[in-house]
Protein backbone atom coordinates (compact mmCIF):
# COMPACT_ATOMS: atom_id res chain seq x y z
CA UNK A 1 99.30 125.63 201.18
CA UNK A 2 99.20 122.03 201.57
CA UNK A 3 97.25 119.15 199.26
CA UNK A 4 95.95 115.91 200.55
CA UNK A 5 94.64 113.69 198.13
CA UNK A 6 93.49 109.74 199.38
CA UNK A 7 92.49 107.51 197.22
CA UNK A 8 91.80 104.77 200.69
CA UNK A 9 88.17 103.03 199.96
CA UNK A 10 90.11 102.03 196.66
CA UNK A 11 93.64 100.93 198.52
CA UNK A 12 93.25 99.87 202.04
CA UNK A 13 95.14 95.86 200.92
CA UNK A 14 97.83 98.88 200.36
CA UNK A 15 97.77 100.64 203.29
CA UNK A 16 101.01 102.38 202.35
CA UNK A 17 99.93 103.73 199.39
CA UNK A 18 96.66 105.27 200.47
CA UNK A 19 97.52 109.07 200.41
CA UNK A 20 100.34 111.33 199.39
CA UNK A 21 101.14 114.47 200.48
CA UNK A 22 101.81 117.73 197.81
CA UNK A 23 103.36 121.25 198.54
CA UNK A 24 101.71 123.91 196.57
CA UNK A 25 103.19 127.22 195.96
CA UNK A 26 101.17 130.18 195.36
CA UNK A 27 102.21 132.76 193.57
CA UNK A 28 100.46 136.64 193.66
CA UNK A 29 103.19 138.37 193.39
CA UNK A 30 104.70 139.39 190.41
CA UNK A 31 108.29 139.81 188.87
CA UNK A 32 109.78 143.13 189.26
CA UNK A 33 113.54 145.07 187.73
CA UNK A 34 116.30 144.82 189.48
CA UNK A 35 119.02 147.18 187.90
CA UNK A 36 118.41 149.33 184.80
CA UNK A 37 117.55 149.48 181.54
CA UNK A 38 120.07 151.06 180.16
CA UNK A 39 120.59 152.61 176.84
CA UNK A 40 123.78 152.52 175.30
CA UNK A 41 123.73 154.48 172.08
CA UNK A 42 124.93 152.87 169.25
CA UNK A 43 124.75 154.96 166.48
CA UNK A 44 122.55 157.48 164.52
CA UNK A 45 119.23 155.59 165.36
CA UNK A 46 120.18 152.29 167.20
CA UNK A 47 120.63 151.67 171.48
CA UNK A 48 121.80 148.51 172.97
CA UNK A 49 118.58 148.11 176.01
CA UNK A 50 120.47 146.17 178.72
CA UNK A 51 118.97 144.53 182.11
CA UNK A 52 118.38 142.96 185.60
CA UNK A 53 114.77 141.29 186.49
CA UNK A 54 113.91 138.80 189.13
CA UNK A 55 111.19 137.18 191.25
CA UNK A 56 110.92 136.65 194.79
CA UNK A 57 109.10 132.51 193.81
CA UNK A 58 108.57 131.73 190.46
CA UNK A 59 111.13 131.62 187.35
CA UNK A 60 110.87 133.98 184.49
CA UNK A 61 109.16 132.83 181.93
CA UNK A 62 109.45 135.85 178.72
CA UNK A 63 110.50 139.78 178.60
CA UNK A 64 109.49 141.88 176.12
CA UNK A 65 109.95 145.26 174.97
CA UNK A 66 108.32 147.61 172.55
CA UNK A 67 108.88 150.97 171.06
CA UNK A 68 106.24 153.46 171.16
CA UNK A 69 103.58 151.03 171.52
CA UNK A 70 104.10 149.06 167.75
CA UNK A 71 105.25 144.98 168.11
CA UNK A 72 107.28 143.54 171.10
CA UNK A 73 110.49 141.57 171.05
CA UNK A 74 111.64 139.15 173.35
CA UNK A 75 115.27 140.09 175.76
CA UNK A 76 117.90 137.89 174.92
CA UNK A 77 119.14 136.77 177.93
CA UNK A 78 123.35 137.24 178.63
CA UNK A 79 124.47 134.00 179.81
CA UNK A 80 122.17 132.13 177.18
CA UNK A 81 119.86 130.07 180.28
CA UNK A 82 116.67 131.82 180.89
CA UNK A 83 116.04 129.62 183.42
CA UNK A 84 115.94 130.63 186.45
CA UNK A 85 114.00 133.37 189.40
CA UNK A 86 116.59 136.32 188.27
CA UNK A 87 118.26 136.87 184.74
CA UNK A 88 120.75 139.15 182.77
CA UNK A 89 118.79 140.11 179.74
CA UNK A 90 120.58 142.51 176.77
CA UNK A 91 118.54 144.48 173.27
CA UNK A 92 121.38 145.07 171.03
CA UNK A 93 120.58 147.81 168.59
CA UNK A 94 117.34 148.69 169.01
CA UNK A 95 116.15 150.53 165.97
CA UNK A 96 114.45 154.34 167.68
CA UNK A 97 114.64 156.92 165.56
CA UNK A 98 115.75 160.54 166.40
CA UNK A 99 112.07 162.04 164.34
CA UNK A 100 109.54 161.07 164.02
CA UNK A 101 107.52 160.28 159.84
CA UNK A 102 106.51 163.49 160.30
CA UNK A 103 110.30 165.28 160.51
CA UNK A 104 109.24 166.07 164.44
CA UNK A 105 112.38 165.21 166.93
CA UNK A 106 109.91 163.51 170.02
CA UNK A 107 111.33 161.53 173.02
CA UNK A 108 111.02 157.60 172.18
CA UNK A 109 109.09 155.69 175.21
CA UNK A 110 110.22 151.78 175.37
CA UNK A 111 107.71 150.09 177.49
CA UNK A 112 109.46 146.94 179.43
CA UNK A 113 106.80 143.85 180.40
CA UNK A 114 107.67 141.26 182.44
CA UNK A 115 106.10 137.83 182.89
CA UNK A 116 107.04 134.83 185.22
CA UNK A 117 105.64 130.93 185.31
CA UNK A 118 102.69 131.92 187.41
CA UNK A 119 101.52 133.94 185.20
CA UNK A 120 102.34 137.14 187.13
CA UNK A 121 103.19 140.17 185.15
CA UNK A 122 104.65 143.54 185.52
CA UNK A 123 104.78 146.97 183.31
CA UNK A 124 107.15 150.34 183.43
CA UNK A 125 107.71 152.31 180.64
CA UNK A 126 111.08 154.49 180.34
CA UNK A 127 111.94 157.65 177.84
CA UNK A 128 114.68 156.54 175.60
CA UNK A 129 117.40 159.57 175.27
């Protein structure tokens, strides 16, 4: 989309400044998972989670995970710079106990949500090992 702005009536004596052209990018596509998530066991009740995410148009603004629907936590960026359309992420030593509060062994679920700067998001749910 191209947007043309003009103030020609108020700038008649300076026609070189009468209008400006700007390109506007409309981003309706959500970010996506490129690879992963991978789950690496670290002790009995801990996991390292890693994945790669990307977006075709906008920069990634946040990537969160929740275990069994509890409070979300943000992933860390591998290289320390969350400034691009593609990111490698990890969450070290995530607590995911093997048994529930009732003493039954249940499969835990992790929900990962990716957000881009245009406001699009993608959500996926995975079973933990």
